[in-house]
C-alpha atoms as a PDB file:
ATOM      1  CA  MET A   1       4.248 178.653 -69.928  1.00  0.00           C
ATOM      2  CA  ASP A   2       1.315 179.574 -67.864  1.00  0.00           C
ATOM      3  CA  TYR A   3       3.763 180.381 -64.499  1.00  0.00           C
ATOM      4  CA  ARG A   4       6.847 182.416 -64.053  1.00  0.00           C
ATOM      5  CA  TYR A   5       8.014 180.297 -61.725  1.00  0.00           C
ATOM      6  CA  GLU A   6       9.499 176.961 -62.938  1.00  0.00           C
ATOM      7  CA  PRO A   7      10.758 175.061 -59.752  1.00  0.00           C
ATOM      8  CA  HIS A   8      12.919 172.179 -59.374  1.00  0.00           C
ATOM      9  CA  VAL A   9      10.589 169.359 -59.051  1.00  0.00           C
ATOM     10  CA  VAL A  10      11.798 165.565 -57.548  1.00  0.00           C
ATOM     11  CA  VAL A  11       9.208 163.051 -58.277  1.00  0.00           C
ATOM     12  CA  ILE A  12       9.927 159.376 -56.809  1.00  0.00           C
ATOM     13  CA  GLY A  13       8.144 156.458 -58.094  1.00  0.00           C
ATOM     14  CA  GLY A  14       7.655 154.008 -60.756  1.00  0.00           C
ATOM     15  CA  GLY A  15       5.297 152.307 -62.896  1.00  0.00           C
ATOM     16  CA  THR A  16       2.562 153.776 -64.987  1.00  0.00           C
ATOM     17  CA  GLY A  17       1.600 156.603 -62.576  1.00  0.00           C
ATOM     18  CA  LEU A  18       4.804 158.139 -62.291  1.00  0.00           C
ATOM     19  CA  SER A  19       5.044 158.473 -66.099  1.00  0.00           C
ATOM     20  CA  ILE A  20       1.297 160.051 -66.320  1.00  0.00           C
ATOM     21  CA  LEU A  21       2.252 162.525 -63.917  1.00  0.00           C
ATOM     22  CA  LEU A  22       5.522 163.583 -65.833  1.00  0.00           C
ATOM     23  CA  SER A  23       3.844 163.933 -69.097  1.00  0.00           C
ATOM     24  CA  GLY A  24       1.715 166.369 -67.436  1.00  0.00           C
ATOM     25  CA  LEU A  25       4.129 168.192 -65.220  1.00  0.00           C
ATOM     26  CA  LYS A  26       6.773 169.038 -67.906  1.00  0.00           C
ATOM     27  CA  ARG A  27       3.663 171.529 -69.223  1.00  0.00           C
ATOM     28  CA  PHE A  28       4.731 173.794 -66.130  1.00  0.00           C
ATOM     29  CA  THR A  29       8.331 173.147 -65.341  1.00  0.00           C
ATOM     30  CA  SER A  30      11.619 172.131 -67.148  1.00  0.00           C
ATOM     31  CA  TYR A  31      13.211 171.553 -64.168  1.00  0.00           C
ATOM     32  CA  ILE A  32      12.139 167.842 -63.384  1.00  0.00           C
ATOM     33  CA  THR A  33      14.092 165.133 -61.791  1.00  0.00           C
ATOM     34  CA  ALA A  34      12.390 161.597 -61.608  1.00  0.00           C
ATOM     35  CA  VAL A  35      13.816 159.272 -59.129  1.00  0.00           C
ATOM     36  CA  VAL A  36      12.750 155.705 -60.623  1.00  0.00           C
ATOM     37  CA  THR A  37      12.598 152.371 -59.000  1.00  0.00           C
ATOM     38  CA  VAL A  38      14.660 149.560 -60.242  1.00  0.00           C
ATOM     39  CA  ALA A  39      13.074 146.409 -58.741  1.00  0.00           C
ATOM     40  CA  ASP A  40      10.745 145.065 -61.521  1.00  0.00           C
ATOM     41  CA  ASP A  41      10.977 141.596 -62.298  1.00  0.00           C
ATOM     42  CA  GLY A  42       8.399 140.825 -64.524  1.00  0.00           C
ATOM     43  CA  GLY A  43       7.742 141.158 -68.367  1.00  0.00           C
ATOM     44  CA  GLY A  44      10.272 142.633 -70.856  1.00  0.00           C
ATOM     45  CA  SER A  45      12.290 144.087 -68.229  1.00  0.00           C
ATOM     46  CA  GLY A  46      12.510 141.003 -66.040  1.00  0.00           C
ATOM     47  CA  VAL A  47      13.700 139.025 -69.252  1.00  0.00           C
ATOM     48  CA  LEU A  48      16.415 141.608 -69.851  1.00  0.00           C
ATOM     49  CA  ARG A  49      17.200 141.496 -66.372  1.00  0.00           C
ATOM     50  CA  GLU A  50      18.006 137.926 -66.457  1.00  0.00           C
ATOM     51  CA  ASP A  51      19.371 137.387 -69.888  1.00  0.00           C
ATOM     52  CA  ILE A  52      22.127 140.241 -69.870  1.00  0.00           C
ATOM     53  CA  GLY A  53      22.254 140.968 -66.083  1.00  0.00           C
ATOM     54  CA  MET A  54      21.025 144.763 -66.532  1.00  0.00           C
ATOM     55  CA  LEU A  55      18.882 146.450 -64.020  1.00  0.00           C
ATOM     56  CA  PRO A  56      15.419 146.546 -65.529  1.00  0.00           C
ATOM     57  CA  PRO A  57      14.447 149.443 -67.883  1.00  0.00           C
ATOM     58  CA  GLY A  58      11.033 149.432 -68.262  1.00  0.00           C
ATOM     59  CA  ASP A  59       9.972 152.031 -65.782  1.00  0.00           C
ATOM     60  CA  ILE A  60      12.965 154.057 -66.545  1.00  0.00           C
ATOM     61  CA  ARG A  61      11.735 153.781 -70.363  1.00  0.00           C
ATOM     62  CA  ALA A  62       8.290 154.825 -69.433  1.00  0.00           C
ATOM     63  CA  CYS A  63       9.596 158.203 -67.661  1.00  0.00           C
ATOM     64  CA  ILE A  64      12.133 158.906 -70.326  1.00  0.00           C
ATOM     65  CA  LEU A  65       9.269 158.998 -72.933  1.00  0.00           C
ATOM     66  CA  ALA A  66       7.077 160.804 -70.946  1.00  0.00           C
ATOM     67  CA  LEU A  67       9.891 163.699 -70.804  1.00  0.00           C
ATOM     68  CA  ALA A  68      10.890 163.359 -74.112  1.00  0.00           C
ATOM     69  CA  ASN A  69      10.513 165.888 -77.200  1.00  0.00           C
ATOM     70  CA  MET A  70      10.159 163.977 -80.120  1.00  0.00           C
ATOM     71  CA  GLU A  71       8.529 163.281 -83.220  1.00  0.00           C
ATOM     72  CA  PRO A  72       5.157 161.029 -83.124  1.00  0.00           C
ATOM     73  CA  LYS A  73       6.745 158.475 -85.375  1.00  0.00           C
ATOM     74  CA  MET A  74       9.593 157.705 -82.812  1.00  0.00           C
ATOM     75  CA  GLU A  75       7.627 157.665 -79.806  1.00  0.00           C
ATOM     76  CA  LYS A  76       5.540 155.076 -81.682  1.00  0.00           C
ATOM     77  CA  LEU A  77       8.529 153.164 -82.294  1.00  0.00           C
ATOM     78  CA  LEU A  78       9.814 153.167 -78.914  1.00  0.00           C
ATOM     79  CA  ASN A  79       6.412 152.251 -77.694  1.00  0.00           C
ATOM     80  CA  TYR A  80       6.412 149.270 -80.110  1.00  0.00           C
ATOM     81  CA  ARG A  81       6.351 145.502 -78.753  1.00  0.00           C
ATOM     82  CA  PHE A  82       7.110 142.830 -80.898  1.00  0.00           C
ATOM     83  CA  GLU A  83       4.341 140.234 -81.063  1.00  0.00           C
ATOM     84  CA  GLN A  84       6.010 137.030 -82.359  1.00  0.00           C
ATOM     85  CA  GLY A  85       9.260 135.027 -81.771  1.00  0.00           C
ATOM     86  CA  ALA A  86      11.898 135.187 -79.249  1.00  0.00           C
ATOM     87  CA  LEU A  87      11.304 138.974 -78.765  1.00  0.00           C
ATOM     88  CA  LYS A  88       7.483 138.755 -78.226  1.00  0.00           C
ATOM     89  CA  GLY A  89       6.390 140.991 -75.404  1.00  0.00           C
ATOM     90  CA  GLN A  90       9.385 142.802 -75.500  1.00  0.00           C
ATOM     91  CA  SER A  91       9.456 146.690 -76.054  1.00  0.00           C
ATOM     92  CA  PHE A  92      11.501 148.289 -78.777  1.00  0.00           C
ATOM     93  CA  GLY A  93      12.375 150.878 -75.965  1.00  0.00           C
ATOM     94  CA  ASN A  94      13.699 148.453 -73.477  1.00  0.00           C
ATOM     95  CA  LEU A  95      16.013 147.120 -76.148  1.00  0.00           C
ATOM     96  CA  PHE A  96      17.375 150.699 -77.016  1.00  0.00           C
ATOM     97  CA  LEU A  97      17.944 150.951 -73.228  1.00  0.00           C
ATOM     98  CA  ALA A  98      19.448 147.490 -73.350  1.00  0.00           C
ATOM     99  CA  ALA A  99      21.979 148.656 -76.431  1.00  0.00           C
ATOM    100  CA  MET A 100      22.802 151.890 -74.634  1.00  0.00           C
ATOM    101  CA  ASN A 101      24.000 149.797 -71.553  1.00  0.00           C
ATOM    102  CA  GLY A 102      25.999 147.686 -73.666  1.00  0.00           C
ATOM    103  CA  ILE A 103      27.860 150.639 -75.463  1.00  0.00           C
ATOM    104  CA  TYR A 104      28.401 152.516 -72.344  1.00  0.00           C
ATOM    105  CA  GLY A 105      28.879 149.720 -70.083  1.00  0.00           C
ATOM    106  CA  ARG A 106      26.699 151.255 -66.853  1.00  0.00           C
ATOM    107  CA  PHE A 107      23.049 151.463 -66.741  1.00  0.00           C
ATOM    108  CA  ASP A 108      23.220 155.182 -65.164  1.00  0.00           C
ATOM    109  CA  LEU A 109      25.277 156.301 -68.372  1.00  0.00           C
ATOM    110  CA  ALA A 110      23.190 154.820 -70.767  1.00  0.00           C
ATOM    111  CA  VAL A 111      19.870 156.263 -69.044  1.00  0.00           C
ATOM    112  CA  GLN A 112      21.871 159.659 -69.461  1.00  0.00           C
ATOM    113  CA  GLU A 113      22.645 159.352 -72.949  1.00  0.00           C
ATOM    114  CA  THR A 114      19.185 158.361 -74.027  1.00  0.00           C
ATOM    115  CA  SER A 115      17.935 161.155 -72.374  1.00  0.00           C
ATOM    116  CA  SER A 116      20.184 163.310 -74.404  1.00  0.00           C
ATOM    117  CA  VAL A 117      19.242 161.317 -77.747  1.00  0.00           C
ATOM    118  CA  LEU A 118      15.535 162.004 -76.851  1.00  0.00           C
ATOM    119  CA  ALA A 119      15.684 165.469 -75.686  1.00  0.00           C
ATOM    120  CA  VAL A 120      14.138 164.860 -72.346  1.00  0.00           C
ATOM    121  CA  THR A 121      12.884 167.771 -70.370  1.00  0.00           C
ATOM    122  CA  GLY A 122      14.516 167.214 -67.109  1.00  0.00           C
ATOM    123  CA  LYS A 123      16.288 164.464 -65.796  1.00  0.00           C
ATOM    124  CA  VAL A 124      15.743 160.601 -64.781  1.00  0.00           C
ATOM    125  CA  PHE A 125      17.803 158.505 -62.668  1.00  0.00           C
ATOM    126  CA  PRO A 126      17.471 155.001 -61.166  1.00  0.00           C
ATOM    127  CA  VAL A 127      16.866 155.120 -57.485  1.00  0.00           C
ATOM    128  CA  THR A 128      20.002 152.978 -57.124  1.00  0.00           C
ATOM    129  CA  LEU A 129      22.509 151.068 -59.521  1.00  0.00           C
ATOM    130  CA  GLU A 130      22.377 147.777 -57.447  1.00  0.00           C
ATOM    131  CA  ASP A 131      20.784 144.593 -58.315  1.00  0.00           C
ATOM    132  CA  ILE A 132      17.781 144.617 -55.840  1.00  0.00           C
ATOM    133  CA  ALA A 133      15.056 141.941 -55.007  1.00  0.00           C
ATOM    134  CA  LEU A 134      11.815 143.056 -53.259  1.00  0.00           C
ATOM    135  CA  THR A 135      10.512 141.358 -50.333  1.00  0.00           C
ATOM    136  CA  ALA A 136       7.225 141.550 -48.581  1.00  0.00           C
ATOM    137  CA  LEU A 137       5.978 140.159 -45.341  1.00  0.00           C
ATOM    138  CA  PHE A 138       2.226 139.350 -45.231  1.00  0.00           C
ATOM    139  CA  GLU A 139      -0.002 139.533 -42.019  1.00  0.00           C
ATOM    140  CA  ASP A 140      -0.439 135.644 -42.237  1.00  0.00           C
ATOM    141  CA  GLY A 141       3.159 135.549 -41.510  1.00  0.00           C
ATOM    142  CA  GLN A 142       4.291 134.617 -45.334  1.00  0.00           C
ATOM    143  CA  VAL A 143       7.525 136.288 -47.043  1.00  0.00           C
ATOM    144  CA  VAL A 144       7.049 136.234 -50.466  1.00  0.00           C
ATOM    145  CA  THR A 145       9.959 137.709 -52.852  1.00  0.00           C
ATOM    146  CA  GLY A 146       9.682 139.545 -56.245  1.00  0.00           C
ATOM    147  CA  GLU A 147       8.074 142.347 -57.504  1.00  0.00           C
ATOM    148  CA  SER A 148       5.876 140.594 -59.515  1.00  0.00           C
ATOM    149  CA  ILE A 149       4.995 137.643 -57.323  1.00  0.00           C
ATOM    150  CA  ILE A 150       3.983 139.757 -54.464  1.00  0.00           C
ATOM    151  CA  PRO A 151       0.618 141.133 -55.884  1.00  0.00           C
ATOM    152  CA  ASN A 152      -0.386 137.797 -56.697  1.00  0.00           C
ATOM    153  CA  TYR A 153       0.186 136.167 -53.490  1.00  0.00           C
ATOM    154  CA  GLY A 154      -1.642 139.053 -51.852  1.00  0.00           C
ATOM    155  CA  LYS A 155      -4.413 138.557 -54.688  1.00  0.00           C
ATOM    156  CA  ASN A 156      -4.884 134.999 -53.886  1.00  0.00           C
ATOM    157  CA  SER A 157      -4.512 134.829 -50.227  1.00  0.00           C
ATOM    158  CA  ARG A 158      -6.276 138.187 -49.014  1.00  0.00           C
ATOM    159  CA  SER A 159      -3.473 138.727 -46.668  1.00  0.00           C
ATOM    160  CA  LYS A 160      -2.358 142.381 -46.321  1.00  0.00           C
ATOM    161  CA  ILE A 161       1.186 143.281 -46.553  1.00  0.00           C
ATOM    162  CA  VAL A 162       3.044 144.413 -43.505  1.00  0.00           C
ATOM    163  CA  GLN A 163       6.236 145.034 -44.410  1.00  0.00           C
ATOM    164  CA  MET A 164       8.414 145.816 -47.483  1.00  0.00           C
ATOM    165  CA  SER A 165      12.151 145.040 -47.634  1.00  0.00           C
ATOM    166  CA  THR A 166      14.766 144.562 -49.909  1.00  0.00           C
ATOM    167  CA  SER A 167      17.461 141.937 -50.705  1.00  0.00           C
ATOM    168  CA  PRO A 168      20.256 142.778 -50.177  1.00  0.00           C
ATOM    169  CA  LYS A 169      19.212 145.217 -47.345  1.00  0.00           C
ATOM    170  CA  GLU A 170      22.109 147.533 -47.664  1.00  0.00           C
ATOM    171  CA  ILE A 171      21.421 149.347 -50.703  1.00  0.00           C
ATOM    172  CA  TYR A 172      22.808 153.020 -51.533  1.00  0.00           C
ATOM    173  CA  THR A 173      21.123 155.644 -53.999  1.00  0.00           C
ATOM    174  CA  SER A 174      23.834 157.963 -56.157  1.00  0.00           C
ATOM    175  CA  SER A 175      25.148 161.199 -55.435  1.00  0.00           C
ATOM    176  CA  HIS A 176      23.114 162.674 -58.267  1.00  0.00           C
ATOM    177  CA  VAL A 177      19.797 161.613 -56.755  1.00  0.00           C
ATOM    178  CA  LEU A 178      20.838 163.134 -53.250  1.00  0.00           C
ATOM    179  CA  GLU A 179      21.814 166.485 -55.224  1.00  0.00           C
ATOM    180  CA  ALA A 180      18.362 166.824 -56.822  1.00  0.00           C
ATOM    181  CA  LEU A 181      16.824 166.388 -53.237  1.00  0.00           C
ATOM    182  CA  ASP A 182      19.008 168.613 -51.790  1.00  0.00           C
ATOM    183  CA  SER A 183      17.892 171.379 -54.263  1.00  0.00           C
ATOM    184  CA  ALA A 184      14.554 170.419 -54.853  1.00  0.00           C
ATOM    185  CA  ASP A 185      11.745 172.943 -54.300  1.00  0.00           C
ATOM    186  CA  ILE A 186       9.199 170.380 -54.058  1.00  0.00           C
ATOM    187  CA  ILE A 187       9.445 166.722 -53.340  1.00  0.00           C
ATOM    188  CA  VAL A 188       6.645 164.270 -54.733  1.00  0.00           C
ATOM    189  CA  LEU A 189       5.679 160.688 -53.695  1.00  0.00           C
ATOM    190  CA  GLY A 190       3.492 158.871 -56.516  1.00  0.00           C
ATOM    191  CA  PRO A 191       1.497 157.957 -57.668  1.00  0.00           C
ATOM    192  CA  GLY A 192       1.895 154.475 -58.530  1.00  0.00           C
ATOM    193  CA  SER A 193       1.475 150.913 -56.786  1.00  0.00           C
ATOM    194  CA  LEU A 194       2.145 151.628 -53.110  1.00  0.00           C
ATOM    195  CA  TYR A 195       4.269 148.659 -52.181  1.00  0.00           C
ATOM    196  CA  THR A 196       5.947 147.917 -55.528  1.00  0.00           C
ATOM    197  CA  SER A 197       6.477 151.449 -56.798  1.00  0.00           C
ATOM    198  CA  VAL A 198       6.423 153.809 -54.217  1.00  0.00           C
ATOM    199  CA  ILE A 199       7.712 152.479 -51.227  1.00  0.00           C
ATOM    200  CA  PRO A 200      10.713 150.650 -52.501  1.00  0.00           C
ATOM    201  CA  ASN A 201      12.527 153.794 -53.241  1.00  0.00           C
ATOM    202  CA  LEU A 202      12.185 154.708 -49.458  1.00  0.00           C
ATOM    203  CA  LEU A 203      13.916 151.548 -48.544  1.00  0.00           C
ATOM    204  CA  VAL A 204      17.397 152.556 -50.433  1.00  0.00           C
ATOM    205  CA  GLN A 205      19.646 154.262 -47.727  1.00  0.00           C
ATOM    206  CA  GLY A 206      20.074 157.964 -48.348  1.00  0.00           C
ATOM    207  CA  ILE A 207      16.772 158.772 -49.671  1.00  0.00           C
ATOM    208  CA  VAL A 208      14.269 159.087 -46.567  1.00  0.00           C
ATOM    209  CA  PRO A 209      17.182 161.113 -44.625  1.00  0.00           C
ATOM    210  CA  SER A 210      17.467 163.534 -47.717  1.00  0.00           C
ATOM    211  CA  ILE A 211      13.566 163.902 -47.939  1.00  0.00           C
ATOM    212  CA  ILE A 212      13.430 164.874 -44.190  1.00  0.00           C
ATOM    213  CA  ASN A 213      16.205 167.351 -44.140  1.00  0.00           C
ATOM    214  CA  SER A 214      14.896 168.810 -47.316  1.00  0.00           C
ATOM    215  CA  ASN A 215      13.006 172.446 -46.653  1.00  0.00           C
ATOM    216  CA  ALA A 216      10.826 171.613 -49.866  1.00  0.00           C
ATOM    217  CA  PRO A 217       6.997 170.598 -49.055  1.00  0.00           C
ATOM    218  CA  LYS A 218       6.753 166.907 -49.493  1.00  0.00           C
ATOM    219  CA  VAL A 219       3.558 165.750 -51.009  1.00  0.00           C
ATOM    220  CA  TYR A 220       2.341 162.062 -51.412  1.00  0.00           C
ATOM    221  CA  ILE A 221      -0.490 161.572 -54.274  1.00  0.00           C
ATOM    222  CA  CYS A 222      -2.635 158.877 -53.187  1.00  0.00           C
ATOM    223  CA  ASN A 223      -3.840 156.608 -55.749  1.00  0.00           C
ATOM    224  CA  VAL A 224      -7.218 157.283 -57.393  1.00  0.00           C
ATOM    225  CA  MET A 225      -7.891 153.627 -57.294  1.00  0.00           C
ATOM    226  CA  THR A 226      -7.064 150.591 -54.856  1.00  0.00           C
ATOM    227  CA  GLN A 227      -5.164 147.767 -56.342  1.00  0.00           C
ATOM    228  CA  SER A 228      -6.287 144.085 -55.990  1.00  0.00           C
ATOM    229  CA  GLY A 229      -2.908 142.337 -54.092  1.00  0.00           C
ATOM    230  CA  GLU A 230      -1.621 145.302 -52.534  1.00  0.00           C
ATOM    231  CA  THR A 231      -4.180 147.665 -51.524  1.00  0.00           C
ATOM    232  CA  TYR A 232      -7.399 145.854 -51.370  1.00  0.00           C
ATOM    233  CA  ARG A 233      -9.927 147.955 -49.617  1.00  0.00           C
ATOM    234  CA  TYR A 234      -7.353 150.510 -48.549  1.00  0.00           C
ATOM    235  CA  SER A 235      -8.494 154.260 -47.639  1.00  0.00           C
ATOM    236  CA  VAL A 236      -6.311 157.253 -47.774  1.00  0.00           C
ATOM    237  CA  LYS A 237      -5.368 156.602 -44.011  1.00  0.00           C
ATOM    238  CA  ASP A 238      -3.996 153.099 -44.996  1.00  0.00           C
ATOM    239  CA  HIS A 239      -2.041 154.481 -48.092  1.00  0.00           C
ATOM    240  CA  VAL A 240      -0.453 157.297 -45.734  1.00  0.00           C
ATOM    241  CA  GLN A 241       0.243 155.007 -43.095  1.00  0.00           C
ATOM    242  CA  ALA A 242       2.285 152.580 -45.435  1.00  0.00           C
ATOM    243  CA  ILE A 243       4.550 155.391 -46.207  1.00  0.00           C
ATOM    244  CA  LEU A 244       5.031 156.423 -43.024  1.00  0.00           C
ATOM    245  CA  ASP A 245       5.588 153.181 -41.619  1.00  0.00           C
ATOM    246  CA  HIS A 246       8.413 152.706 -44.082  1.00  0.00           C
ATOM    247  CA  SER A 247      10.019 156.041 -43.617  1.00  0.00           C
ATOM    248  CA  ALA A 248       9.462 158.543 -40.625  1.00  0.00           C
ATOM    249  CA  GLU A 249       6.187 159.894 -38.935  1.00  0.00           C
ATOM    250  CA  THR A 250       7.213 163.667 -40.082  1.00  0.00           C
ATOM    251  CA  LEU A 251       7.831 162.752 -43.721  1.00  0.00           C
ATOM    252  CA  LEU A 252       4.767 164.210 -45.405  1.00  0.00           C
ATOM    253  CA  ASP A 253       3.238 167.800 -45.154  1.00  0.00           C
ATOM    254  CA  TYR A 254       0.593 167.249 -48.035  1.00  0.00           C
ATOM    255  CA  VAL A 255      -1.521 164.353 -49.670  1.00  0.00           C
ATOM    256  CA  VAL A 256      -3.326 165.027 -52.766  1.00  0.00           C
ATOM    257  CA  ILE A 257      -6.323 163.178 -53.004  1.00  0.00           C
ATOM    258  CA  ASN A 258      -8.798 162.883 -55.796  1.00  0.00           C
ATOM    259  CA  ASP A 259     -12.649 163.173 -54.278  1.00  0.00           C
ATOM    260  CA  ALA A 260     -14.675 163.708 -57.457  1.00  0.00           C
ATOM    261  CA  GLN A 261     -16.944 161.155 -57.808  1.00  0.00           C
ATOM    262  CA  ILE A 262     -16.455 158.646 -60.594  1.00  0.00           C
ATOM    263  CA  PRO A 263     -19.519 157.636 -62.677  1.00  0.00           C
ATOM    264  CA  GLU A 264     -20.402 153.781 -62.202  1.00  0.00           C
ATOM    265  CA  VAL A 265     -20.181 153.026 -65.978  1.00  0.00           C
ATOM    266  CA  ASP A 266     -16.475 153.684 -65.582  1.00  0.00           C
ATOM    267  CA  LEU A 267     -16.037 151.498 -62.499  1.00  0.00           C
ATOM    268  CA  VAL A 268     -17.812 148.007 -64.149  1.00  0.00           C
ATOM    269  CA  ARG A 269     -14.246 146.746 -65.276  1.00  0.00           C
ATOM    270  CA  TYR A 270     -12.688 147.554 -62.209  1.00  0.00           C
ATOM    271  CA  SER A 271     -15.159 145.937 -59.571  1.00  0.00           C
ATOM    272  CA  GLU A 272     -14.137 142.787 -61.519  1.00  0.00           C
ATOM    273  CA  GLU A 273     -10.562 143.131 -60.352  1.00  0.00           C
ATOM    274  CA  GLU A 274     -11.815 143.968 -57.039  1.00  0.00           C
ATOM    275  CA  SER A 275     -10.638 147.489 -57.601  1.00  0.00           C
ATOM    276  CA  GLU A 276     -12.528 150.546 -56.119  1.00  0.00           C
ATOM    277  CA  PRO A 277     -12.212 154.178 -55.801  1.00  0.00           C
ATOM    278  CA  VAL A 278      -9.995 155.568 -52.649  1.00  0.00           C
ATOM    279  CA  MET A 279     -12.510 157.214 -50.828  1.00  0.00           C
ATOM    280  CA  TYR A 280     -11.770 160.077 -48.142  1.00  0.00           C
ATOM    281  CA  THR A 281     -13.540 159.752 -44.938  1.00  0.00           C
ATOM    282  CA  LYS A 282     -14.143 161.872 -41.845  1.00  0.00           C
ATOM    283  CA  GLU A 283     -11.438 159.127 -40.363  1.00  0.00           C
ATOM    284  CA  ASP A 284      -8.987 159.960 -43.014  1.00  0.00           C
ATOM    285  CA  GLU A 285      -9.543 163.724 -42.042  1.00  0.00           C
ATOM    286  CA  LEU A 286      -9.081 163.347 -38.394  1.00  0.00           C
ATOM    287  CA  PHE A 287      -5.689 160.733 -38.857  1.00  0.00           C
ATOM    288  CA  LEU A 288      -4.149 163.483 -41.554  1.00  0.00           C
ATOM    289  CA  GLU A 289      -4.908 166.344 -38.825  1.00  0.00           C
ATOM    290  CA  GLU A 290      -3.353 164.530 -36.149  1.00  0.00           C
ATOM    291  CA  LYS A 291      -0.484 163.773 -38.068  1.00  0.00           C
ATOM    292  CA  ASP A 292       0.114 167.454 -39.571  1.00  0.00           C
ATOM    293  CA  ILE A 293      -0.597 166.445 -43.006  1.00  0.00           C
ATOM    294  CA  LYS A 294      -2.616 168.658 -45.116  1.00  0.00           C
ATOM    295  CA  PRO A 295      -4.974 166.844 -47.886  1.00  0.00           C
ATOM    296  CA  LEU A 296      -5.408 168.568 -50.985  1.00  0.00           C
ATOM    297  CA  LEU A 297      -8.953 167.740 -52.364  1.00  0.00           C
ATOM    298  CA  GLY A 298     -10.051 168.218 -56.060  1.00  0.00           C
ATOM    299  CA  ASP A 299     -10.995 166.654 -59.283  1.00  0.00           C
ATOM    300  CA  PHE A 300      -7.853 164.682 -60.209  1.00  0.00           C
ATOM    301  CA  TYR A 301      -8.874 161.805 -62.256  1.00  0.00           C
ATOM    302  CA  GLN A 302      -9.599 161.047 -65.895  1.00  0.00           C
ATOM    303  CA  VAL A 303     -10.960 158.222 -68.118  1.00  0.00           C
ATOM    304  CA  LYS A 304      -8.358 157.005 -70.992  1.00  0.00           C
ATOM    305  CA  SER A 305      -9.106 154.303 -73.104  1.00  0.00           C
ATOM    306  CA  GLY A 306     -11.505 152.957 -70.245  1.00  0.00           C
ATOM    307  CA  TYR A 307      -8.653 153.317 -67.636  1.00  0.00           C
ATOM    308  CA  ILE A 308      -9.012 155.429 -64.896  1.00  0.00           C
ATOM    309  CA  ARG A 309      -5.937 157.403 -64.341  1.00  0.00           C
ATOM    310  CA  HIS A 310      -4.697 160.616 -62.707  1.00  0.00           C
ATOM    311  CA  ASN A 311      -5.296 163.612 -64.586  1.00  0.00           C
ATOM    312  CA  SER A 312      -1.506 164.802 -65.300  1.00  0.00           C
ATOM    313  CA  LEU A 313      -2.502 168.366 -66.032  1.00  0.00           C
ATOM    314  CA  ALA A 314      -4.405 168.760 -63.046  1.00  0.00           C
ATOM    315  CA  LEU A 315      -1.883 167.268 -60.624  1.00  0.00           C
ATOM    316  CA  GLY A 316       0.977 169.339 -62.330  1.00  0.00           C
ATOM    317  CA  GLN A 317      -0.834 172.531 -61.796  1.00  0.00           C
ATOM    318  CA  LYS A 318      -1.705 171.766 -58.078  1.00  0.00           C
ATOM    319  CA  LEU A 319       1.983 170.748 -57.631  1.00  0.00           C
ATOM    320  CA  ILE A 320       3.196 174.259 -58.843  1.00  0.00           C
ATOM    321  CA  THR A 321       0.796 176.218 -57.052  1.00  0.00           C
ATOM    322  CA  ILE A 322       2.062 174.359 -53.578  1.00  0.00           C
ATOM    323  CA  ALA A 323       6.178 174.871 -54.838  1.00  0.00           C
ATOM    324  CA  ASP A 324       5.186 178.425 -55.575  1.00  0.00           C
ATOM    325  CA  MET A 325       3.132 179.074 -52.125  1.00  0.00           C
ATOM    326  CA  HIS A 326       6.051 177.783 -50.047  1.00  0.00           C
ATOM    327  CA  LYS A 327       8.651 180.008 -52.385  1.00  0.00           C
ATOM    328  CA  THR A 328       6.138 182.939 -51.419  1.00  0.00           C
ATOM    329  CA  ASP A 329       6.431 181.932 -47.592  1.00  0.00           C
ATOM    330  CA  LYS A 330      10.189 181.581 -47.567  1.00  0.00           C
ATOM    331  CA  SER A 331      10.736 185.070 -49.051  1.00  0.00           C
ATOM    332  CA  GLU A 332       8.465 186.641 -46.450  1.00  0.00           C
END
């Protein structure tokens, strides 16, 4: 451990981005709480959600595995996806959570017991225990429902998302999540799909007021790349404004931004998907200054197996530094 100070970090989001961050963050602190979206309705998670009526386990599973301390063979087993038959495309980790859900009768207990079995560093909580569906209002007036359908419509229509909502509208978080936010030394949003992984958490009753009322620094990790169907040609300003539009103007203190240049050779496959680096411009700088949000620039990306991702260790180190700085400020 490089730091004597181990802050309580609450990370809010979902998808691949959140699990990548957690895998690096656990190198710096043992006090981590992941608050994870449960709006997924596609892939193996969607199948289990429809077949047995459980909350989608995919994002939860990824976060548990990122924070778990286990043998490589066990990790390989839980990540295994069946390639044939009725289970084709389903991961063993999802089935493991489904079995635990059946044994304990409640999804939150299933997550808790799975975390215990896999010796997880920190805690993983679903943002809500209610069955929800995501709905997006697009600029062209179209209303689209379904986490997996929303990006497809955006990609095909080239229309921008104006507002996100949930069905039902009144959904609530748990006391565990509220307690974690109350005791946090730093609260982090993202990284992850802006409209389908990060913002859905802000629509849950209790989340935004608890973040605002916390004395902890609030940090948004802006995506390294834009996402076709959700954030086509989005700037840093566009990402941040979407967060504020779905929460409060005073929600954020910092935005972590990658300003390291990505080699063209690594961008070829992304250009075919109409995805490009999120650039930091003078307009973004002025916007953040107006909102009293501090930009944190640096080299925060890496390329793994041809995919451009956040560098989890660089992010973890930066977040610990921010928490440590505010701890010092509070003690003066």
